[in-house]
Amino acid sequence: MIVIHGIGVDIIEIERIQQSIDDYGHQFLKKLFTENEIQYCNAKQFPTQHFAARFAAKEALSKAISTGWSGEFEWKNVEIVNSPAGKPDFVFYGHTAKVLKDQTVFLSMSHSDSTVIAFVIIETK
């Protein structure tokens, strides 16, 4: 039997992420994103849109596992990768990998010109 263990959603204005990048520069990026994510986003035509999507995905995941920004959730223990076809997916490290070891995690992200939304479902078998 499959049981939904958690659901999380986050929406963010792309400009908010751009403001944080403008204010704090690479330190902001290094705090929240893995080196792979930074390289991926910076290689895109509109990097901020991709940083915002990853921020929203991590925030939605933190809500789905019911930790929010508590000490249990570490931003860089969660990495968003894309399949060759562009489908986003998570890679987990450290404590987050242990917490989600026997669970299936689904991620969907979408954006407009000004906002990004991410939706996460965690299933347990």
N, C-alpha and C. Protein backbone atom coordinates (compact mmCIF):
# COMPACT_ATOMS: atom_id res chain seq x y z
N MET A 1 0.84 -1.18 0.00
CA MET A 1 0.00 0.00 0.00
C MET A 1 0.89 1.25 0.00
N ILE A 2 0.60 2.17 -0.88
CA ILE A 2 1.34 3.43 -0.95
C ILE A 2 0.60 4.48 -0.14
N VAL A 3 1.35 5.19 0.70
CA VAL A 3 0.79 6.22 1.57
C VAL A 3 1.51 7.54 1.30
N ILE A 4 0.75 8.61 1.19
CA ILE A 4 1.38 9.92 1.06
C ILE A 4 1.88 10.33 2.43
N HIS A 5 3.18 10.52 2.52
CA HIS A 5 3.83 10.88 3.78
C HIS A 5 3.88 12.39 3.98
N GLY A 6 3.97 13.13 2.86
CA GLY A 6 4.04 14.59 2.98
C GLY A 6 3.79 15.28 1.66
N ILE A 7 3.30 16.51 1.76
CA ILE A 7 3.06 17.36 0.61
C ILE A 7 3.62 18.73 0.95
N GLY A 8 4.31 19.34 -0.01
CA GLY A 8 4.83 20.68 0.20
C GLY A 8 4.73 21.49 -1.08
N VAL A 9 4.50 22.77 -0.92
CA VAL A 9 4.43 23.68 -2.08
C VAL A 9 5.10 24.99 -1.69
N ASP A 10 5.73 25.62 -2.66
CA ASP A 10 6.31 26.94 -2.42
C ASP A 10 6.22 27.75 -3.71
N ILE A 11 5.94 29.02 -3.54
CA ILE A 11 5.91 29.96 -4.66
C ILE A 11 6.78 31.14 -4.26
N ILE A 12 7.57 31.62 -5.19
CA ILE A 12 8.48 32.72 -4.89
C ILE A 12 8.60 33.63 -6.10
N GLU A 13 8.75 34.90 -5.81
CA GLU A 13 9.00 35.87 -6.88
C GLU A 13 10.47 35.79 -7.27
N ILE A 14 10.73 35.70 -8.55
CA ILE A 14 12.09 35.61 -9.05
C ILE A 14 12.90 36.83 -8.62
N GLU A 15 12.28 37.99 -8.59
CA GLU A 15 12.96 39.23 -8.19
C GLU A 15 13.49 39.14 -6.77
N ARG A 16 12.81 38.41 -5.90
CA ARG A 16 13.28 38.26 -4.51
C ARG A 16 14.62 37.54 -4.47
N ILE A 17 14.77 36.52 -5.29
CA ILE A 17 16.05 35.81 -5.36
C ILE A 17 17.11 36.71 -5.99
N GLN A 18 16.73 37.46 -7.02
CA GLN A 18 17.70 38.37 -7.64
C GLN A 18 18.18 39.41 -6.63
N GLN A 19 17.28 39.91 -5.80
CA GLN A 19 17.66 40.89 -4.78
C GLN A 19 18.65 40.29 -3.79
N SER A 20 18.43 39.05 -3.39
CA SER A 20 19.35 38.38 -2.48
C SER A 20 20.72 38.17 -3.13
N ILE A 21 20.73 37.82 -4.40
CA ILE A 21 22.00 37.66 -5.12
C ILE A 21 22.70 39.02 -5.21
N ASP A 22 21.94 40.07 -5.51
CA ASP A 22 22.53 41.41 -5.59
C ASP A 22 23.10 41.84 -4.24
N ASP A 23 22.37 41.54 -3.17
CA ASP A 23 22.78 41.97 -1.83
C ASP A 23 23.94 41.16 -1.27
N TYR A 24 23.94 39.84 -1.49
CA TYR A 24 24.88 38.96 -0.81
C TYR A 24 25.82 38.20 -1.75
N GLY A 25 25.60 38.29 -3.04
CA GLY A 25 26.50 37.71 -4.03
C GLY A 25 26.67 36.21 -3.90
N HIS A 26 27.89 35.77 -4.15
CA HIS A 26 28.19 34.34 -4.19
C HIS A 26 27.99 33.68 -2.82
N GLN A 27 28.11 34.44 -1.74
CA GLN A 27 27.88 33.87 -0.40
C GLN A 27 26.46 33.35 -0.27
N PHE A 28 25.51 34.09 -0.81
CA PHE A 28 24.10 33.65 -0.80
C PHE A 28 23.97 32.33 -1.56
N LEU A 29 24.55 32.28 -2.74
CA LEU A 29 24.45 31.07 -3.56
C LEU A 29 25.12 29.88 -2.87
N LYS A 30 26.30 30.09 -2.29
CA LYS A 30 27.03 29.00 -1.63
C LYS A 30 26.31 28.47 -0.40
N LYS A 31 25.51 29.30 0.23
CA LYS A 31 24.77 28.87 1.42
C LYS A 31 23.64 27.92 1.07
N LEU A 32 23.00 28.15 -0.09
CA LEU A 32 21.78 27.42 -0.43
C LEU A 32 21.93 26.34 -1.49
N PHE A 33 22.95 26.47 -2.34
CA PHE A 33 23.03 25.61 -3.52
C PHE A 33 24.36 24.86 -3.58
N THR A 34 24.30 23.66 -4.14
CA THR A 34 25.53 22.89 -4.36
C THR A 34 26.30 23.52 -5.52
N GLU A 35 27.57 23.16 -5.63
CA GLU A 35 28.38 23.67 -6.74
C GLU A 35 27.79 23.25 -8.09
N ASN A 36 27.25 22.03 -8.17
CA ASN A 36 26.61 21.59 -9.41
C ASN A 36 25.42 22.46 -9.77
N GLU A 37 24.62 22.82 -8.77
CA GLU A 37 23.46 23.68 -9.03
C GLU A 37 23.90 25.07 -9.49
N ILE A 38 24.93 25.60 -8.84
CA ILE A 38 25.43 26.94 -9.20
C ILE A 38 25.93 26.93 -10.64
N GLN A 39 26.68 25.92 -11.01
CA GLN A 39 27.19 25.81 -12.38
C GLN A 39 26.05 25.67 -13.38
N TYR A 40 25.08 24.81 -13.06
CA TYR A 40 23.94 24.59 -13.94
C TYR A 40 23.18 25.90 -14.17
N CYS A 41 22.84 26.58 -13.10
CA CYS A 41 22.04 27.80 -13.22
C CYS A 41 22.80 28.90 -13.95
N ASN A 42 24.07 29.07 -13.60
CA ASN A 42 24.87 30.13 -14.23
C ASN A 42 25.08 29.89 -15.72
N ALA A 43 24.92 28.65 -16.19
CA ALA A 43 25.07 28.34 -17.61
C ALA A 43 23.81 28.66 -18.41
N LYS A 44 22.72 28.99 -17.73
CA LYS A 44 21.45 29.27 -18.40
C LYS A 44 21.36 30.74 -18.80
N GLN A 45 20.48 31.02 -19.75
CA GLN A 45 20.30 32.40 -20.21
C GLN A 45 19.75 33.30 -19.10
N PHE A 46 18.87 32.75 -18.26
CA PHE A 46 18.28 33.50 -17.15
C PHE A 46 18.56 32.75 -15.84
N PRO A 47 19.77 32.87 -15.31
CA PRO A 47 20.17 32.07 -14.14
C PRO A 47 19.24 32.26 -12.93
N THR A 48 18.79 33.47 -12.69
CA THR A 48 17.99 33.72 -11.49
C THR A 48 16.71 32.90 -11.48
N GLN A 49 16.10 32.73 -12.63
CA GLN A 49 14.89 31.92 -12.73
C GLN A 49 15.18 30.48 -12.25
N HIS A 50 16.33 29.96 -12.60
CA HIS A 50 16.69 28.59 -12.23
C HIS A 50 17.08 28.50 -10.75
N PHE A 51 17.76 29.53 -10.24
CA PHE A 51 18.03 29.56 -8.80
C PHE A 51 16.73 29.63 -8.02
N ALA A 52 15.79 30.45 -8.48
CA ALA A 52 14.50 30.58 -7.79
C ALA A 52 13.74 29.26 -7.79
N ALA A 53 13.79 28.54 -8.91
CA ALA A 53 13.10 27.25 -8.98
C ALA A 53 13.70 26.26 -7.98
N ARG A 54 15.02 26.25 -7.88
CA ARG A 54 15.67 25.34 -6.93
C ARG A 54 15.40 25.75 -5.49
N PHE A 55 15.37 27.04 -5.23
CA PHE A 55 15.02 27.52 -3.90
C PHE A 55 13.61 27.05 -3.54
N ALA A 56 12.66 27.25 -4.45
CA ALA A 56 11.27 26.85 -4.19
C ALA A 56 11.16 25.35 -4.00
N ALA A 57 11.91 24.57 -4.77
CA ALA A 57 11.86 23.11 -4.64
C ALA A 57 12.37 22.67 -3.26
N LYS A 58 13.46 23.27 -2.82
CA LYS A 58 14.01 22.92 -1.51
C LYS A 58 13.06 23.35 -0.39
N GLU A 59 12.46 24.50 -0.55
CA GLU A 59 11.49 24.98 0.44
C GLU A 59 10.27 24.06 0.48
N ALA A 60 9.76 23.66 -0.68
CA ALA A 60 8.62 22.75 -0.73
C ALA A 60 8.96 21.41 -0.09
N LEU A 61 10.17 20.92 -0.33
CA LEU A 61 10.60 19.67 0.31
C LEU A 61 10.65 19.82 1.82
N SER A 62 11.18 20.94 2.30
CA SER A 62 11.26 21.12 3.76
C SER A 62 9.87 21.12 4.38
N LYS A 63 8.90 21.63 3.65
CA LYS A 63 7.51 21.60 4.14
C LYS A 63 6.95 20.18 4.10
N ALA A 64 7.28 19.44 3.05
CA ALA A 64 6.76 18.08 2.90
C ALA A 64 7.31 17.14 3.97
N ILE A 65 8.57 17.36 4.39
CA ILE A 65 9.12 16.50 5.45
C ILE A 65 8.88 17.10 6.82
N SER A 66 8.13 18.20 6.87
CA SER A 66 7.67 18.82 8.11
C SER A 66 8.79 19.34 8.99
N THR A 67 9.89 19.78 8.37
CA THR A 67 10.96 20.35 9.17
C THR A 67 11.01 21.86 9.04
N GLY A 68 10.50 22.38 7.92
CA GLY A 68 10.70 23.80 7.67
C GLY A 68 12.19 24.09 7.67
N TRP A 69 12.59 25.23 8.20
CA TRP A 69 14.00 25.61 8.22
C TRP A 69 14.67 25.22 9.53
N SER A 70 14.11 24.24 10.23
CA SER A 70 14.70 23.85 11.52
C SER A 70 16.10 23.29 11.29
N GLY A 71 16.78 23.00 12.36
CA GLY A 71 18.14 22.49 12.29
C GLY A 71 18.28 21.18 11.53
N GLU A 72 17.18 20.44 11.34
CA GLU A 72 17.24 19.17 10.63
C GLU A 72 17.40 19.36 9.13
N PHE A 73 16.95 20.45 8.60
CA PHE A 73 17.00 20.67 7.15
C PHE A 73 18.26 21.43 6.78
N GLU A 74 19.04 20.84 5.90
CA GLU A 74 20.26 21.49 5.41
C GLU A 74 20.13 21.69 3.91
N TRP A 75 20.18 22.94 3.49
CA TRP A 75 19.96 23.32 2.09
C TRP A 75 20.81 22.52 1.12
N LYS A 76 22.07 22.32 1.43
CA LYS A 76 22.98 21.68 0.49
C LYS A 76 22.96 20.15 0.57
N ASN A 77 22.12 19.60 1.44
CA ASN A 77 21.89 18.16 1.45
C ASN A 77 20.82 17.77 0.44
N VAL A 78 20.31 18.78 -0.26
CA VAL A 78 19.29 18.58 -1.28
C VAL A 78 19.81 19.23 -2.56
N GLU A 79 19.86 18.45 -3.62
CA GLU A 79 20.32 18.97 -4.91
C GLU A 79 19.25 18.67 -5.96
N ILE A 80 18.96 19.65 -6.79
CA ILE A 80 18.01 19.45 -7.87
C ILE A 80 18.80 19.24 -9.15
N VAL A 81 18.51 18.15 -9.83
CA VAL A 81 19.15 17.82 -11.09
C VAL A 81 18.06 17.68 -12.15
N ASN A 82 18.47 17.73 -13.40
CA ASN A 82 17.52 17.58 -14.49
C ASN A 82 17.93 16.39 -15.36
N SER A 83 16.94 15.61 -15.79
CA SER A 83 17.20 14.54 -16.74
C SER A 83 17.55 15.17 -18.09
N PRO A 84 18.08 14.39 -19.01
CA PRO A 84 18.36 14.95 -20.35
C PRO A 84 17.12 15.57 -21.01
N ALA A 85 15.94 15.07 -20.65
CA ALA A 85 14.69 15.62 -21.21
C ALA A 85 14.23 16.86 -20.44
N GLY A 86 14.92 17.19 -19.33
CA GLY A 86 14.57 18.39 -18.57
C GLY A 86 13.77 18.15 -17.31
N LYS A 87 13.37 16.89 -17.04
CA LYS A 87 12.57 16.61 -15.85
C LYS A 87 13.40 16.84 -14.59
N PRO A 88 12.89 17.65 -13.65
CA PRO A 88 13.64 17.88 -12.42
C PRO A 88 13.48 16.71 -11.45
N ASP A 89 14.54 16.49 -10.68
CA ASP A 89 14.51 15.43 -9.67
C ASP A 89 15.47 15.82 -8.55
N PHE A 90 15.33 15.16 -7.41
CA PHE A 90 16.18 15.42 -6.26
C PHE A 90 17.31 14.40 -6.17
N VAL A 91 18.43 14.86 -5.62
CA VAL A 91 19.49 13.99 -5.12
C VAL A 91 19.68 14.42 -3.67
N PHE A 92 19.70 13.44 -2.77
CA PHE A 92 19.81 13.74 -1.34
C PHE A 92 21.14 13.29 -0.79
N TYR A 93 21.64 14.04 0.20
CA TYR A 93 22.90 13.74 0.86
C TYR A 93 22.68 13.80 2.38
N GLY A 94 23.63 13.22 3.12
CA GLY A 94 23.66 13.36 4.57
C GLY A 94 22.38 12.92 5.26
N HIS A 95 21.98 13.72 6.26
CA HIS A 95 20.81 13.41 7.08
C HIS A 95 19.54 13.31 6.24
N THR A 96 19.41 14.17 5.25
CA THR A 96 18.21 14.16 4.39
C THR A 96 18.11 12.84 3.64
N ALA A 97 19.23 12.32 3.16
CA ALA A 97 19.22 11.03 2.46
C ALA A 97 18.76 9.91 3.40
N LYS A 98 19.17 9.97 4.66
CA LYS A 98 18.75 8.96 5.64
C LYS A 98 17.25 9.06 5.91
N VAL A 99 16.75 10.28 6.08
CA VAL A 99 15.33 10.49 6.38
C VAL A 99 14.45 9.99 5.24
N LEU A 100 14.90 10.18 4.01
CA LEU A 100 14.07 9.85 2.85
C LEU A 100 14.47 8.54 2.17
N LYS A 101 15.28 7.75 2.83
CA LYS A 101 15.86 6.53 2.25
C LYS A 101 14.82 5.59 1.64
N ASP A 102 13.76 5.31 2.34
CA ASP A 102 12.78 4.33 1.88
C ASP A 102 11.52 4.99 1.32
N GLN A 103 11.66 6.22 0.84
CA GLN A 103 10.50 6.95 0.35
C GLN A 103 10.73 7.39 -1.10
N THR A 104 9.66 7.61 -1.80
CA THR A 104 9.72 8.13 -3.17
C THR A 104 9.30 9.58 -3.12
N VAL A 105 10.10 10.44 -3.74
CA VAL A 105 9.84 11.87 -3.71
C VAL A 105 9.61 12.37 -5.13
N PHE A 106 8.49 13.05 -5.32
CA PHE A 106 8.14 13.60 -6.62
C PHE A 106 8.26 15.11 -6.58
N LEU A 107 8.74 15.70 -7.67
CA LEU A 107 8.94 17.14 -7.76
C LEU A 107 8.37 17.66 -9.06
N SER A 108 7.63 18.74 -8.97
CA SER A 108 7.18 19.47 -10.15
C SER A 108 7.46 20.95 -9.92
N MET A 109 7.99 21.61 -10.95
CA MET A 109 8.28 23.04 -10.89
C MET A 109 7.72 23.70 -12.13
N SER A 110 7.31 24.96 -11.97
CA SER A 110 6.83 25.74 -13.10
C SER A 110 7.12 27.20 -12.83
N HIS A 111 7.08 28.02 -13.88
CA HIS A 111 7.37 29.44 -13.70
C HIS A 111 6.62 30.29 -14.72
N SER A 112 6.46 31.55 -14.35
CA SER A 112 6.01 32.58 -15.26
C SER A 112 7.19 33.54 -15.42
N ASP A 113 6.96 34.69 -15.98
CA ASP A 113 8.04 35.67 -16.09
C ASP A 113 8.49 36.19 -14.73
N SER A 114 7.60 36.14 -13.74
CA SER A 114 7.92 36.77 -12.45
C SER A 114 7.93 35.83 -11.25
N THR A 115 7.32 34.66 -11.36
CA THR A 115 7.24 33.77 -10.21
C THR A 115 7.58 32.33 -10.58
N VAL A 116 7.95 31.58 -9.54
CA VAL A 116 8.25 30.16 -9.68
C VAL A 116 7.44 29.43 -8.62
N ILE A 117 6.97 28.25 -8.97
CA ILE A 117 6.27 27.40 -8.01
C ILE A 117 6.89 26.00 -8.05
N ALA A 118 6.96 25.38 -6.90
CA ALA A 118 7.43 23.99 -6.80
C ALA A 118 6.47 23.22 -5.92
N PHE A 119 6.24 21.97 -6.29
CA PHE A 119 5.32 21.10 -5.57
C PHE A 119 6.01 19.77 -5.34
N VAL A 120 5.94 19.27 -4.10
CA VAL A 120 6.60 18.03 -3.73
C VAL A 120 5.60 17.09 -3.06
N ILE A 121 5.68 15.82 -3.43
CA ILE A 121 4.91 14.76 -2.77
C ILE A 121 5.91 13.69 -2.33
N ILE A 122 5.77 13.25 -1.09
CA ILE A 122 6.59 12.16 -0.56
C ILE A 122 5.68 10.96 -0.32
N GLU A 123 6.04 9.83 -0.92
CA GLU A 123 5.28 8.59 -0.74
C GLU A 123 6.09 7.58 0.04
N THR A 124 5.38 6.82 0.86
CA THR A 124 5.98 5.71 1.59
C THR A 124 5.26 4.44 1.19
N LYS A 125 6.00 3.39 0.94
CA LYS A 125 5.37 2.10 0.58
C LYS A 125 5.22 1.26 1.81
